[in-house]
Structures are given as structure tokens and as C-alpha cells.
N, C-alpha and C. Protein backbone atom coordinates (compact mmCIF):
# COMPACT_ATOMS: atom_id res chain seq x y z
N UNK A 1 0.87 -0.88 0.32
CA UNK A 1 0.10 -0.23 0.03
C UNK A 1 0.99 1.48 0.30
N UNK A 2 0.57 2.27 -0.77
CA UNK A 2 1.18 3.87 -1.16
C UNK A 2 0.44 4.72 -1.00
N UNK A 3 0.70 5.63 0.09
CA UNK A 3 0.10 6.68 0.24
C UNK A 3 0.87 7.53 -0.44
N UNK A 4 0.50 8.41 -1.20
CA UNK A 4 1.20 9.89 -2.01
C UNK A 4 0.28 11.06 -1.50
N UNK A 5 1.21 11.65 -1.34
CA UNK A 5 1.12 13.30 -1.05
C UNK A 5 1.44 14.09 -2.12
N UNK A 6 0.82 14.27 -3.03
CA UNK A 6 1.17 15.04 -3.90
C UNK A 6 1.06 16.43 -3.88
N UNK A 7 2.27 17.02 -4.25
CA UNK A 7 2.23 18.42 -3.73
C UNK A 7 2.53 19.32 -4.78
N UNK A 8 1.45 20.78 -5.13
CA UNK A 8 2.07 21.62 -5.92
C UNK A 8 3.41 22.61 -5.46
N UNK A 9 4.18 23.03 -5.59
CA UNK A 9 5.08 23.98 -5.59
C UNK A 9 4.25 25.45 -4.87
N UNK A 10 5.15 26.11 -4.23
CA UNK A 10 4.61 27.58 -3.93
C UNK A 10 4.65 28.65 -4.70
N UNK A 11 4.15 29.68 -4.58
CA UNK A 11 3.60 31.14 -5.11
C UNK A 11 4.80 31.27 -5.57
N UNK A 12 5.08 31.45 -7.15
CA UNK A 12 6.11 32.32 -8.05
C UNK A 12 5.33 33.88 -8.95
N UNK A 13 6.74 34.49 -9.04
CA UNK A 13 5.84 35.91 -9.24
C UNK A 13 5.34 35.47 -10.56
N UNK A 14 5.76 34.44 -11.65
CA UNK A 14 5.22 34.10 -12.46
C UNK A 14 3.68 33.86 -11.87
N UNK A 15 3.21 33.25 -11.10
CA UNK A 15 1.84 33.45 -10.70
C UNK A 15 1.25 34.11 -10.56
N UNK A 16 2.10 34.97 -9.67
CA UNK A 16 1.27 36.19 -9.48
C UNK A 16 0.87 36.91 -10.97
N UNK A 17 1.64 36.99 -11.72
CA UNK A 17 1.33 37.84 -12.76
C UNK A 17 1.11 36.89 -13.79
N UNK A 18 0.24 35.89 -13.83
CA UNK A 18 -0.06 34.88 -14.31
C UNK A 18 0.28 34.31 -15.71
N UNK A 19 1.68 34.24 -15.57
CA UNK A 19 2.56 33.88 -16.71
C UNK A 19 2.58 32.59 -16.99
N UNK A 20 3.04 32.02 -18.06
CA UNK A 20 3.21 30.61 -18.43
C UNK A 20 4.57 30.64 -17.93
N UNK A 21 4.70 29.85 -16.97
CA UNK A 21 6.68 29.09 -16.83
C UNK A 21 6.87 28.39 -17.36
N UNK A 22 6.43 27.24 -17.36
CA UNK A 22 6.58 25.66 -17.95
C UNK A 22 8.01 25.18 -17.39
N UNK A 23 8.94 25.49 -18.43
CA UNK A 23 10.60 24.67 -18.10
C UNK A 23 11.02 25.81 -17.50
N UNK A 24 10.92 27.13 -17.75
CA UNK A 24 11.52 28.02 -16.91
C UNK A 24 11.50 28.01 -15.29
N UNK A 25 13.40 28.32 -14.99
CA UNK A 25 13.22 27.88 -13.58
C UNK A 25 13.16 29.21 -12.97
N UNK A 26 12.12 29.09 -12.54
CA UNK A 26 11.84 30.75 -11.65
C UNK A 26 11.61 30.28 -10.30
N UNK A 27 11.83 31.32 -9.26
CA UNK A 27 11.97 30.76 -8.00
C UNK A 27 10.73 30.94 -6.94
N UNK A 28 10.61 30.68 -5.76
CA UNK A 28 9.31 30.82 -5.28
C UNK A 28 9.48 32.48 -4.59
N UNK A 29 8.10 33.35 -4.31
CA UNK A 29 7.96 34.25 -3.64
C UNK A 29 8.37 34.26 -2.19
N UNK A 30 8.42 35.23 -1.44
CA UNK A 30 8.31 35.40 0.13
C UNK A 30 7.13 34.55 0.38
N UNK A 31 6.00 34.78 0.05
CA UNK A 31 4.40 34.40 0.29
C UNK A 31 5.17 32.82 0.04
N UNK A 32 5.25 32.50 -0.98
CA UNK A 32 5.89 30.58 -1.53
C UNK A 32 6.36 30.33 -0.56
N UNK A 33 7.12 30.83 0.08
CA UNK A 33 8.37 30.13 0.95
C UNK A 33 7.43 29.99 2.28
N UNK A 34 6.49 31.09 2.75
CA UNK A 34 5.60 31.03 4.10
C UNK A 34 4.58 29.78 3.22
N UNK A 35 4.20 29.97 2.14
CA UNK A 35 2.99 28.69 2.32
C UNK A 35 3.68 27.18 2.29
N UNK A 36 5.00 27.16 2.07
CA UNK A 36 5.65 25.54 1.75
C UNK A 36 5.78 25.61 3.77
N UNK A 37 6.16 26.68 4.35
CA UNK A 37 6.34 26.50 5.56
C UNK A 37 5.03 26.00 6.75
N UNK A 38 4.09 26.93 5.97
CA UNK A 38 3.05 26.07 6.77
C UNK A 38 2.43 25.21 6.11
N UNK A 39 2.69 24.49 5.22
CA UNK A 39 2.19 23.19 5.00
C UNK A 39 3.41 22.20 5.40
N UNK A 40 4.51 22.87 5.59
CA UNK A 40 5.43 21.85 6.44
C UNK A 40 5.17 21.47 7.95
N UNK A 41 5.10 22.65 8.75
CA UNK A 41 4.05 22.46 9.81
C UNK A 41 2.87 21.48 10.02
N UNK A 42 1.89 21.94 8.76
CA UNK A 42 0.74 20.77 9.01
C UNK A 42 1.20 19.23 8.93
N UNK A 43 2.17 19.26 8.14
CA UNK A 43 2.88 17.46 7.89
C UNK A 43 4.01 17.14 8.91
N UNK A 44 4.09 17.67 10.55
CA UNK A 44 5.08 17.63 10.86
C UNK A 44 4.82 16.10 11.84
N UNK A 45 3.61 16.13 12.04
CA UNK A 45 3.06 14.70 12.53
C UNK A 45 3.52 13.39 11.49
N UNK A 46 2.96 13.76 10.05
CA UNK A 46 3.10 12.78 9.06
C UNK A 46 4.38 12.15 8.66
N UNK A 47 3.90 11.18 9.02
CA UNK A 47 5.38 9.66 8.69
C UNK A 47 5.73 9.87 7.45
N UNK A 48 6.13 10.07 6.65
CA UNK A 48 7.13 10.39 5.18
C UNK A 48 7.83 9.95 5.03
N UNK A 49 7.97 8.81 4.40
CA UNK A 49 9.50 7.58 3.98
C UNK A 49 10.00 7.82 2.86
N UNK A 50 9.44 8.60 1.69
CA UNK A 50 10.53 8.55 0.43
C UNK A 50 9.77 10.14 -0.19
N UNK A 51 10.64 10.82 -0.82
CA UNK A 51 10.36 12.31 -1.05
C UNK A 51 10.93 12.32 -3.07
N UNK A 52 10.12 12.73 -3.54
CA UNK A 52 10.59 13.03 -4.76
C UNK A 52 10.27 14.89 -4.95
N UNK A 53 11.05 15.53 -6.06
CA UNK A 53 10.63 16.66 -6.89
C UNK A 53 10.88 16.61 -8.61
N UNK A 54 10.13 17.63 -9.10
CA UNK A 54 10.78 18.03 -10.39
C UNK A 54 11.83 18.24 -9.75
N UNK A 55 12.97 18.59 -11.20
CA UNK A 55 14.06 19.49 -11.21
C UNK A 55 14.28 20.85 -11.07
N UNK A 56 12.96 21.36 -11.17
CA UNK A 56 12.87 23.04 -10.80
C UNK A 56 13.37 23.60 -9.85
N UNK A 57 13.66 24.68 -9.87
CA UNK A 57 13.92 25.42 -8.25
C UNK A 57 12.79 25.48 -7.56
N UNK A 58 11.62 25.58 -8.19
CA UNK A 58 10.57 26.44 -7.63
C UNK A 58 9.99 24.86 -6.64
N UNK A 59 10.00 23.84 -7.09
CA UNK A 59 9.63 22.46 -6.68
C UNK A 59 10.27 21.71 -5.57
N UNK A 60 12.07 21.86 -5.80
CA UNK A 60 13.18 21.55 -5.17
C UNK A 60 13.09 22.60 -3.98
N UNK A 61 12.60 23.53 -3.94
CA UNK A 61 13.14 24.50 -2.81
C UNK A 61 11.75 24.42 -1.83
N UNK A 62 9.97 24.30 -2.17
CA UNK A 62 9.55 23.61 -1.97
C UNK A 62 9.25 22.42 -1.27
N UNK A 63 9.86 21.27 -1.94
CA UNK A 63 10.36 20.35 -1.12
C UNK A 63 11.44 20.27 0.19
N UNK A 64 12.37 20.78 -0.26
CA UNK A 64 13.21 21.21 1.22
C UNK A 64 12.55 21.51 2.09
N UNK A 65 11.71 22.99 2.19
CA UNK A 65 11.07 23.45 3.13
C UNK A 65 10.14 22.44 3.85
N UNK A 66 9.32 21.50 2.99
CA UNK A 66 8.74 20.46 3.61
C UNK A 66 9.29 19.58 4.48
N UNK A 67 10.31 19.22 3.90
CA UNK A 67 11.25 18.01 4.79
C UNK A 67 11.85 18.54 5.70
N UNK A 68 12.08 19.89 5.67
CA UNK A 68 12.99 20.16 6.74
C UNK A 68 14.22 19.20 7.34
N UNK A 69 13.57 18.95 8.73
CA UNK A 69 14.65 18.02 9.78
C UNK A 69 14.48 16.86 9.72
N UNK A 70 13.56 16.42 8.82
CA UNK A 70 13.60 15.32 8.50
C UNK A 70 14.91 14.20 7.78
N UNK A 71 15.34 13.37 8.56
CA UNK A 71 16.59 12.91 7.86
C UNK A 71 15.92 11.59 6.35
N UNK A 72 15.62 12.74 5.59
CA UNK A 72 15.24 11.74 3.95
C UNK A 72 15.73 12.39 2.83
N UNK A 73 16.39 11.83 2.18
CA UNK A 73 16.96 12.02 1.12
C UNK A 73 15.61 12.84 -0.06
N UNK A 74 16.38 13.34 -0.59
CA UNK A 74 15.42 13.98 -1.53
C UNK A 74 15.49 13.60 -3.25
N UNK A 75 14.45 12.94 -3.91
CA UNK A 75 15.15 12.29 -5.12
C UNK A 75 14.60 12.81 -5.86
N UNK A 76 15.68 13.71 -6.85
CA UNK A 76 14.87 14.57 -8.61
C UNK A 76 14.38 13.81 -9.53
N UNK A 77 13.42 13.77 -9.64
CA UNK A 77 12.53 13.09 -10.97
C UNK A 77 12.01 13.94 -11.91
N UNK A 78 13.67 14.15 -13.41
CA UNK A 78 12.71 15.38 -14.08
C UNK A 78 11.66 15.25 -14.69
N UNK A 79 10.74 13.91 -14.58
CA UNK A 79 9.88 13.56 -15.80
C UNK A 79 8.55 14.09 -14.45
N UNK A 80 8.94 14.71 -13.74
CA UNK A 80 7.41 15.16 -12.75
C UNK A 80 7.60 16.74 -12.99
N UNK A 81 8.68 17.32 -14.35
CA UNK A 81 8.78 18.60 -14.46
C UNK A 81 7.37 19.29 -14.84
N UNK A 82 7.38 20.07 -15.26
CA UNK A 82 5.75 20.86 -15.62
C UNK A 82 5.80 20.37 -17.15
N UNK A 83 4.89 20.82 -17.60
CA UNK A 83 4.46 20.97 -18.94
C UNK A 83 5.54 22.17 -19.72
N UNK A 84 6.07 21.81 -20.93
CA UNK A 84 7.15 22.93 -21.29
C UNK A 84 5.81 23.84 -22.66
N UNK A 85 5.54 24.62 -22.49
CA UNK A 85 4.98 25.51 -22.63
C UNK A 85 5.52 26.25 -24.09
N UNK A 86 6.35 25.92 -24.36
CA UNK A 86 7.62 26.58 -25.74
C UNK A 86 7.88 27.86 -25.83
N UNK A 87 7.18 28.43 -26.82
CA UNK A 87 7.62 29.44 -27.29
C UNK A 87 6.48 30.70 -26.45
N UNK A 88 5.30 30.18 -25.95
CA UNK A 88 4.91 31.06 -24.90
C UNK A 88 5.09 31.35 -23.49
N UNK A 89 6.51 30.43 -22.86
CA UNK A 89 6.99 30.82 -21.55
C UNK A 89 7.18 32.21 -21.16
N UNK A 90 7.11 32.17 -20.04
CA UNK A 90 7.15 33.94 -19.95
C UNK A 90 6.53 34.89 -20.06
N UNK A 91 5.36 34.88 -20.99
CA UNK A 91 4.13 35.54 -21.32
C UNK A 91 3.01 35.23 -20.82
N UNK A 92 1.82 36.26 -20.48
CA UNK A 92 0.60 35.90 -20.12
C UNK A 92 -0.11 35.55 -21.24
N UNK A 93 -1.15 34.95 -21.63
CA UNK A 93 -2.03 34.66 -22.40
C UNK A 93 -2.38 35.74 -23.20
N UNK A 94 -2.83 36.97 -22.53
CA UNK A 94 -3.06 38.62 -23.51
C UNK A 94 -2.14 38.34 -24.12
N UNK A 95 -0.67 38.93 -23.39
CA UNK A 95 0.27 39.29 -24.19
C UNK A 95 0.68 38.33 -25.51
N UNK A 96 0.49 37.35 -25.57
CA UNK A 96 1.01 36.18 -26.92
C UNK A 96 -0.19 36.63 -27.48
N UNK A 97 -1.60 36.72 -27.39
CA UNK A 97 -2.40 37.03 -28.42
C UNK A 97 -1.96 38.07 -28.51
N UNK A 98 -1.80 39.22 -28.25
CA UNK A 98 -1.29 40.84 -28.50
C UNK A 98 -0.09 40.53 -29.72
N UNK A 99 0.76 39.89 -29.46
CA UNK A 99 1.93 39.88 -30.06
C UNK A 99 1.97 38.75 -31.31
N UNK A 100 1.09 37.59 -31.43
CA UNK A 100 1.41 37.13 -32.23
C UNK A 100 0.15 36.94 -33.12
N UNK A 101 -1.03 37.93 -32.93
CA UNK A 101 -2.39 37.75 -33.15
C UNK A 101 -3.61 36.56 -32.75
N UNK A 102 -4.80 37.36 -32.55
CA UNK A 102 -5.87 36.96 -31.79
C UNK A 102 -6.09 34.99 -32.30
N UNK A 103 -5.54 34.79 -33.38
CA UNK A 103 -5.88 33.81 -34.42
C UNK A 103 -4.78 32.41 -33.81
N UNK A 104 -4.25 33.13 -32.78
CA UNK A 104 -3.18 32.28 -32.26
C UNK A 104 -3.08 31.96 -30.66
N UNK A 105 -4.21 32.24 -30.37
CA UNK A 105 -4.36 31.83 -28.91
C UNK A 105 -3.98 30.48 -28.78
N UNK A 106 -3.28 30.20 -27.77
CA UNK A 106 -3.64 28.92 -27.50
C UNK A 106 -4.68 28.07 -27.28
N UNK A 107 -4.73 26.84 -27.33
CA UNK A 107 -5.77 26.01 -27.13
C UNK A 107 -5.76 24.44 -26.70
N UNK A 108 -4.38 24.65 -26.06
CA UNK A 108 -4.12 22.55 -26.07
C UNK A 108 -4.69 22.46 -25.05
N UNK A 109 -5.34 22.85 -24.14
CA UNK A 109 -6.46 22.03 -23.39
C UNK A 109 -7.19 21.52 -24.08
N UNK A 110 -7.56 21.75 -25.31
CA UNK A 110 -8.70 20.83 -26.16
C UNK A 110 -7.97 20.25 -27.41
N UNK A 111 -6.61 20.24 -27.08
CA UNK A 111 -5.87 19.61 -28.31
C UNK A 111 -4.98 19.03 -27.65
N UNK A 112 -5.30 17.74 -26.76
CA UNK A 112 -3.91 17.52 -26.29
C UNK A 112 -3.01 16.44 -26.98
N UNK A 113 -3.20 16.27 -28.10
CA UNK A 113 -2.30 15.48 -28.90
C UNK A 113 -1.33 17.01 -29.89
N UNK A 114 -1.48 18.08 -29.80
CA UNK A 114 -1.19 18.79 -30.71
C UNK A 114 -0.18 19.28 -29.64
N UNK A 115 1.31 19.17 -30.02
CA UNK A 115 2.35 20.03 -29.45
C UNK A 115 1.73 21.55 -29.46
N UNK A 116 2.71 22.22 -28.34
CA UNK A 116 2.84 23.59 -28.25
C UNK A 116 3.82 24.06 -29.36
N UNK A 117 3.79 25.28 -29.92
CA UNK A 117 4.78 25.79 -30.87
C UNK A 117 6.31 25.81 -29.96
N UNK A 118 6.83 24.87 -30.26
CA UNK A 118 8.56 25.15 -29.23
C UNK A 118 8.27 24.31 -28.24
N UNK A 119 7.23 23.13 -27.81
CA UNK A 119 7.06 22.68 -26.50
C UNK A 119 6.59 21.58 -26.74
N UNK A 120 5.89 20.93 -26.16
CA UNK A 120 5.18 19.33 -25.93
C UNK A 120 3.31 19.63 -25.65
N UNK A 121 2.99 18.34 -26.17
CA UNK A 121 1.85 18.45 -26.59
C UNK A 121 1.19 17.70 -24.72
N UNK A 122 0.18 17.81 -24.69
CA UNK A 122 -0.52 17.19 -22.96
C UNK A 122 0.01 15.90 -23.31
N UNK A 123 -0.15 15.27 -24.17
CA UNK A 123 -0.18 13.59 -23.86
C UNK A 123 1.23 13.29 -24.18
N UNK A 124 2.46 14.54 -24.71
CA UNK A 124 3.57 14.02 -24.06
C UNK A 124 3.86 14.25 -22.24
N UNK A 125 3.21 15.17 -21.93
CA UNK A 125 3.33 15.17 -20.38
C UNK A 125 2.56 13.77 -19.86
N UNK A 126 1.49 13.65 -20.35
CA UNK A 126 1.28 12.66 -19.72
C UNK A 126 1.66 11.02 -19.59
N UNK A 127 2.35 11.32 -20.77
CA UNK A 127 3.31 9.89 -20.99
C UNK A 127 4.49 10.05 -20.08
N UNK A 128 5.10 11.10 -20.13
CA UNK A 128 6.06 10.82 -19.24
C UNK A 128 5.48 11.33 -17.63
N UNK A 129 4.66 11.66 -17.45
CA UNK A 129 4.48 11.77 -15.86
C UNK A 129 4.10 10.57 -15.43
N UNK A 130 3.15 9.48 -16.14
CA UNK A 130 3.19 8.12 -16.04
C UNK A 130 4.06 7.54 -16.11
N UNK A 131 5.18 7.34 -16.82
CA UNK A 131 6.26 6.83 -16.77
C UNK A 131 6.84 6.76 -15.31
N UNK A 132 7.07 8.32 -14.77
CA UNK A 132 7.62 8.52 -13.85
C UNK A 132 6.84 8.09 -12.64
N UNK A 133 5.39 8.08 -12.95
CA UNK A 133 4.95 7.01 -11.39
C UNK A 133 4.83 6.17 -11.42
N UNK A 134 4.71 5.38 -12.27
CA UNK A 134 4.96 3.85 -12.43
C UNK A 134 6.19 2.88 -12.06
N UNK A 135 7.29 3.95 -12.33
CA UNK A 135 8.47 3.78 -11.83
C UNK A 135 8.69 3.87 -10.16
N UNK A 136 8.24 4.79 -9.66
CA UNK A 136 8.10 5.02 -8.12
C UNK A 136 6.98 3.87 -7.48
N UNK A 137 6.10 3.45 -7.67
CA UNK A 137 5.15 2.51 -7.58
C UNK A 137 5.78 1.18 -7.80
N UNK A 138 6.48 0.44 -8.88
CA UNK A 138 7.40 -0.43 -8.69
C UNK A 138 8.12 -0.34 -7.87
N UNK A 139 9.21 0.77 -7.66
CA UNK A 139 10.16 0.59 -6.61
C UNK A 139 10.23 0.74 -5.38
N UNK A 140 8.73 1.02 -4.98
CA UNK A 140 8.33 0.63 -3.34
C UNK A 140 7.62 0.33 -3.07
N UNK A 141 6.61 -0.25 -3.69
CA UNK A 141 5.19 -1.07 -3.62
C UNK A 141 5.39 -2.06 -3.06
N UNK A 142 5.44 -2.38 -1.80
CA UNK A 142 5.47 -3.64 -1.24
C UNK A 142 4.13 -4.48 -0.46
N UNK A 143 3.54 -5.38 -0.55
CA UNK A 143 2.64 -6.16 -0.05
C UNK A 143 2.48 -6.16 1.71
N UNK A 144 3.05 -5.85 1.87
CA UNK A 144 3.25 -6.14 3.62
C UNK A 144 3.32 -4.83 4.36
N UNK A 145 3.93 -3.66 3.66
CA UNK A 145 4.33 -2.50 4.10
C UNK A 145 3.20 -1.52 3.52
N UNK A 146 2.95 -0.16 3.99
CA UNK A 146 2.53 1.09 4.32
C UNK A 146 3.34 2.21 4.26
N UNK A 147 3.78 2.59 2.72
CA UNK A 147 4.46 3.58 2.52
C UNK A 147 4.02 4.98 2.42
N UNK A 148 4.54 6.11 2.77
CA UNK A 148 4.34 7.53 2.79
C UNK A 148 5.27 8.05 1.75
N UNK A 149 4.75 8.79 0.36
CA UNK A 149 5.83 9.14 -0.47
C UNK A 149 5.31 10.63 -1.09
N UNK A 150 6.32 11.25 -0.48
CA UNK A 150 5.73 13.11 -1.24
C UNK A 150 6.08 12.77 -2.96
N UNK A 151 5.84 13.64 -2.97
CA UNK A 151 5.89 14.01 -4.98
C UNK A 151 5.56 15.50 -4.83
N UNK A 152 6.59 16.46 -5.06
CA UNK A 152 6.49 17.80 -5.31
C UNK A 152 6.60 18.34 -6.73
N UNK A 153 5.99 19.10 -7.28
CA UNK A 153 6.06 19.01 -8.76
C UNK A 153 4.97 20.37 -9.01
N UNK A 154 4.42 20.47 -9.73
CA UNK A 154 3.93 21.69 -10.75
C UNK A 154 2.22 21.02 -10.77
N UNK A 155 1.41 22.38 -10.74
CA UNK A 155 0.14 21.86 -11.29
C UNK A 155 -0.49 21.16 -12.27
N UNK A 156 0.15 21.67 -13.30
CA UNK A 156 -0.16 20.41 -14.40
C UNK A 156 -0.05 19.26 -14.28
N UNK A 157 1.55 18.94 -13.58
CA UNK A 157 1.64 17.41 -13.27
C UNK A 157 0.56 16.86 -12.23
N UNK A 158 0.28 17.82 -11.01
CA UNK A 158 0.01 16.97 -10.01
C UNK A 158 -1.60 17.22 -10.81
N UNK A 159 -2.38 17.96 -11.49
CA UNK A 159 -3.84 17.45 -12.25
C UNK A 159 -3.20 16.03 -12.92
N UNK A 160 -2.57 15.78 -13.99
CA UNK A 160 -2.33 14.46 -14.53
C UNK A 160 -2.31 13.87 -13.56
N UNK A 161 -1.40 13.07 -12.78
CA UNK A 161 -1.57 12.30 -11.62
C UNK A 161 -2.79 11.80 -11.34
N UNK A 162 -3.74 13.34 -10.80
CA UNK A 162 -4.78 12.90 -10.40
C UNK A 162 -5.67 12.32 -11.23
N UNK A 163 -5.62 12.91 -12.77
CA UNK A 163 -6.23 12.57 -13.71
C UNK A 163 -6.22 10.67 -13.82
N UNK A 164 -4.64 10.57 -13.90
CA UNK A 164 -4.49 9.20 -14.19
C UNK A 164 -5.05 8.31 -12.68
N UNK A 165 -4.96 8.72 -11.63
CA UNK A 165 -5.54 8.06 -10.82
C UNK A 165 -6.93 7.59 -11.08
N UNK A 166 -7.62 8.70 -11.33
CA UNK A 166 -9.17 8.56 -11.86
C UNK A 166 -9.65 8.16 -13.18
N UNK A 167 -8.46 7.95 -13.87
CA UNK A 167 -8.99 7.80 -15.65
C UNK A 167 -9.44 8.62 -16.03
N UNK A 168 -9.32 9.63 -15.67
CA UNK A 168 -10.28 11.54 -15.95
C UNK A 168 -9.90 11.21 -17.42
N UNK A 169 -10.70 11.74 -18.65
CA UNK A 169 -10.36 12.04 -19.99
C UNK A 169 -9.40 13.32 -20.20
N UNK A 170 -8.44 13.21 -20.92
CA UNK A 170 -7.05 14.05 -20.49
C UNK A 170 -7.67 15.53 -20.95
N UNK A 171 -8.61 15.98 -21.79
CA UNK A 171 -8.91 17.13 -21.83
C UNK A 171 -9.51 18.27 -20.25
N UNK A 172 -10.28 16.92 -19.90
CA UNK A 172 -10.75 17.24 -18.19
C UNK A 172 -9.60 17.64 -16.91
N UNK A 173 -8.75 17.66 -17.14
CA UNK A 173 -8.02 17.60 -16.29
C UNK A 173 -7.30 19.13 -15.63
N UNK A 174 -7.71 19.79 -16.49
CA UNK A 174 -7.50 21.37 -16.60
C UNK A 174 -8.65 22.20 -15.82
N UNK A 175 -9.97 21.32 -15.67
CA UNK A 175 -11.38 21.65 -15.04
C UNK A 175 -10.59 21.14 -13.23
N UNK A 176 -9.34 20.50 -12.94
CA UNK A 176 -8.95 20.16 -11.38
C UNK A 176 -8.41 21.27 -10.62
N UNK A 177 -8.79 22.01 -9.97
CA UNK A 177 -8.38 23.52 -9.49
C UNK A 177 -7.02 22.92 -8.88
N UNK A 178 -6.27 23.48 -8.66
CA UNK A 178 -4.61 22.97 -8.10
C UNK A 178 -3.94 24.46 -7.80
N UNK A 179 -4.26 25.18 -6.81
CA UNK A 179 -3.36 26.05 -5.71
C UNK A 179 -2.35 26.12 -5.18
N UNK A 180 -1.07 27.08 -5.04
CA UNK A 180 -0.29 27.33 -4.46
C UNK A 180 -0.02 25.95 -3.51
N UNK A 181 0.91 25.28 -2.93
CA UNK A 181 1.03 24.16 -2.22
C UNK A 181 -0.01 23.35 -2.18
N UNK A 182 -0.94 22.91 -2.88
CA UNK A 182 -2.01 22.26 -2.72
C UNK A 182 -1.48 21.22 -2.24
N UNK A 183 -2.38 20.44 -1.61
CA UNK A 183 -1.79 19.05 -0.85
C UNK A 183 -3.05 18.25 -1.51
N UNK A 184 -2.70 17.19 -2.65
CA UNK A 184 -3.63 16.31 -2.86
C UNK A 184 -3.22 14.71 -2.14
N UNK A 185 -4.30 14.05 -1.74
CA UNK A 185 -3.63 12.54 -1.30
C UNK A 185 -4.43 11.66 -1.57
N UNK A 186 -3.01 10.67 -1.94
CA UNK A 186 -3.78 9.46 -2.86
C UNK A 186 -3.30 8.35 -2.53
N UNK A 187 -4.36 7.59 -2.35
CA UNK A 187 -3.65 5.94 -1.91
C UNK A 187 -3.55 4.86 -3.17
N UNK A 188 -2.88 4.13 -2.96
CA UNK A 188 -2.63 2.91 -4.15
C UNK A 188 -2.53 1.45 -3.83
N UNK A 189 -3.41 0.90 -4.08
CA UNK A 189 -2.82 -0.67 -3.45
C UNK A 189 -3.23 -1.68 -4.94
N UNK A 190 -2.04 -2.22 -5.12
CA UNK A 190 -2.02 -3.18 -6.43
C UNK A 190 -3.22 -4.10 -6.97
N UNK A 191 -3.81 -4.23 -5.57
CA UNK A 191 -5.37 -4.82 -6.48
C UNK A 191 -6.33 -4.27 -6.44
N UNK A 192 -6.51 -3.14 -5.74
CA UNK A 192 -7.60 -2.25 -6.08
C UNK A 192 -7.47 -0.47 -6.65
N UNK A 193 -5.93 -0.67 -6.83
CA UNK A 193 -5.80 0.45 -8.10
C UNK A 193 -5.66 1.89 -7.05
N UNK A 194 -5.81 3.12 -7.63
CA UNK A 194 -6.00 4.04 -6.75
C UNK A 194 -7.64 4.65 -5.74
N UNK A 195 -7.43 5.07 -5.14
CA UNK A 195 -7.99 6.11 -4.55
C UNK A 195 -7.57 7.49 -4.15
N UNK A 196 -8.73 8.30 -4.41
CA UNK A 196 -7.77 9.90 -4.46
C UNK A 196 -8.72 10.36 -3.07
N UNK A 197 -8.37 10.78 -2.15
CA UNK A 197 -9.03 10.68 -0.68
C UNK A 197 -8.88 12.78 -0.41
N UNK A 198 -8.05 13.31 -1.12
CA UNK A 198 -8.93 14.73 -1.30
C UNK A 198 -7.78 15.67 -2.12
N UNK A 199 -8.36 16.91 -2.62
CA UNK A 199 -7.86 17.45 -3.89
C UNK A 199 -7.81 18.46 -3.67
N UNK A 200 -6.51 19.45 -3.89
CA UNK A 200 -6.97 21.20 -3.61
C UNK A 200 -7.18 21.65 -2.39
N UNK A 201 -6.24 20.62 -1.14
CA UNK A 201 -6.48 21.31 0.21
C UNK A 201 -5.61 21.73 0.53
N UNK A 202 -6.08 23.37 1.01
CA UNK A 202 -4.79 24.44 1.05
C UNK A 202 -5.28 24.67 2.57
N UNK A 203 -6.23 24.26 3.59
CA UNK A 203 -6.37 24.45 4.76
C UNK A 203 -5.25 25.01 5.31
N UNK A 204 -4.04 24.92 5.09
CA UNK A 204 -2.57 25.37 6.12
C UNK A 204 -2.68 26.58 5.65
N UNK A 205 -3.10 27.56 4.60
CA UNK A 205 -2.73 28.47 4.13
C UNK A 205 -4.03 29.48 4.40
N UNK A 206 -5.20 28.92 4.46
CA UNK A 206 -6.65 29.65 3.96
C UNK A 206 -6.97 30.04 5.72
N UNK A 207 -7.01 28.95 6.49
CA UNK A 207 -7.28 29.38 7.86
C UNK A 207 -6.27 30.79 8.27
N UNK A 208 -5.06 30.67 8.26
CA UNK A 208 -4.34 31.47 8.65
C UNK A 208 -4.44 32.69 7.26
N UNK A 209 -5.13 32.65 6.07
CA UNK A 209 -5.10 34.41 5.60
C UNK A 209 -6.53 34.64 6.11
N UNK A 210 -7.19 33.78 6.55
CA UNK A 210 -8.71 34.61 7.29
C UNK A 210 -8.18 35.28 8.62
N UNK A 211 -7.68 34.41 9.40
CA UNK A 211 -7.06 35.02 10.95
C UNK A 211 -6.24 36.13 10.55
N UNK A 212 -5.56 36.33 9.45
CA UNK A 212 -4.25 36.95 9.35
C UNK A 212 -3.06 36.84 10.55
N UNK A 213 -2.68 35.74 10.94
CA UNK A 213 -1.95 35.74 11.84
C UNK A 213 -0.80 34.45 11.42
N UNK A 214 0.09 34.69 11.51
CA UNK A 214 0.98 33.34 11.29
C UNK A 214 0.68 32.33 12.37
N UNK A 215 1.44 31.04 11.78
CA UNK A 215 1.89 29.84 12.94
C UNK A 215 3.26 29.86 13.37
N UNK A 216 3.33 28.74 14.41
CA UNK A 216 4.80 28.61 14.57
C UNK A 216 5.31 27.92 12.98
N UNK A 217 6.72 28.63 12.71
CA UNK A 217 7.51 27.99 11.88
C UNK A 217 8.35 26.88 12.62
């Protein structure tokens, strides 16, 4: 039995400005660091056995904050990297349309087999995420043990993992909301398959934002 804690990275400036980041190696904002700290505190009593991260800085930084003083090595898995947006990276949707013409507005979410200009297709993303997830399951699933595995990655990747777990049509994964440091809990049993316990859980930050006060770090 495996328990996956699938986590989106903390806020970046590109998130704030609603820009396509993709493979760009952007960093966390101060708020993004705070979000990761709150999630770390929330998970302080959670047994974590194994940890994976995308190879991009925003995911690695989030993962290291979450793991903090735990004696757990962080495995870097490039196949958990965000989808490559190619020519659109660094642009806001409105900027790209303005610069390249309204007819060139991206419609990749409805055309999963069409590669993005200079980037990947959604099917490309699905293939590499599934390969990485299958590898993690093969390496760590043991019949007589329950292990908790953290995967820190990106919004497109967390959606894809949830979509794979629930066998959601690939065009529908973009309807799954994933906010900064969203926690998604998924269980896997080789006999029964996947069970999704929670999606886009951000209680560690929403409760605090309402109270406007920090908690212990």
C-alpha cells in the first residue's frame, strides 16, 4: 500500500502575474516560501518515508522546506517537471495573443495531441508523468508495508497524476483546481488501484489568511 502526498510548489512571481512558466526555472516568492513553511508545519506529525521532486528550483525549494529537519533524501525526477509551454513561456495569455495575433491564442487544453509551439503536447506530459509514477510504484510498493511518498511538482503534473488515478479524460484535467502548495492525498493498492482522498487541500494557508496571523514555523 502506498500513500501519495502530491503537492504543487509554492507561489512564484510568474503565478502572481499569471505567466506561463513551464520549464523556466523561476523561484518562490516570499509568500511562496511562507506557504511551504505552513504546509511543513501541517505535516509535522505525518510519517514520510520517501520524497521526490521535479528538477525545477520552485519545486525543489518547496520540497526542502516541507522536509525540513527530516532525515530523508530528496530524489530529483525530471519527468515530474511542468509541461513545456515552448514559445509561450514568460508570456501572459493576453500578451502572447497581442504579439502573435488573436488567431494564435493557445488552445492546447482542448487539443491534447497537438504539440505546443516549441514545446510539448498534453499527451507528451501524460506519457512522461505516467512513466515516472509507474517507476515510483514499482520501486516502492511492497505487499506487507505501507509507505508514504511525497511528490512535489507543478500544477499541470498534479492534475495529470489525479487524472491518471481517476482515469479522467485528458481534456478534463484542466478543470481540476490546483493552488499554490495544494495538497492532494492519493492511496494506491496493487489489487484495488488508486483511491483519491483529497484534492487541492490548502487549509494550511486559507485558515491563516482569514485570521491574518502566522503559526509556529
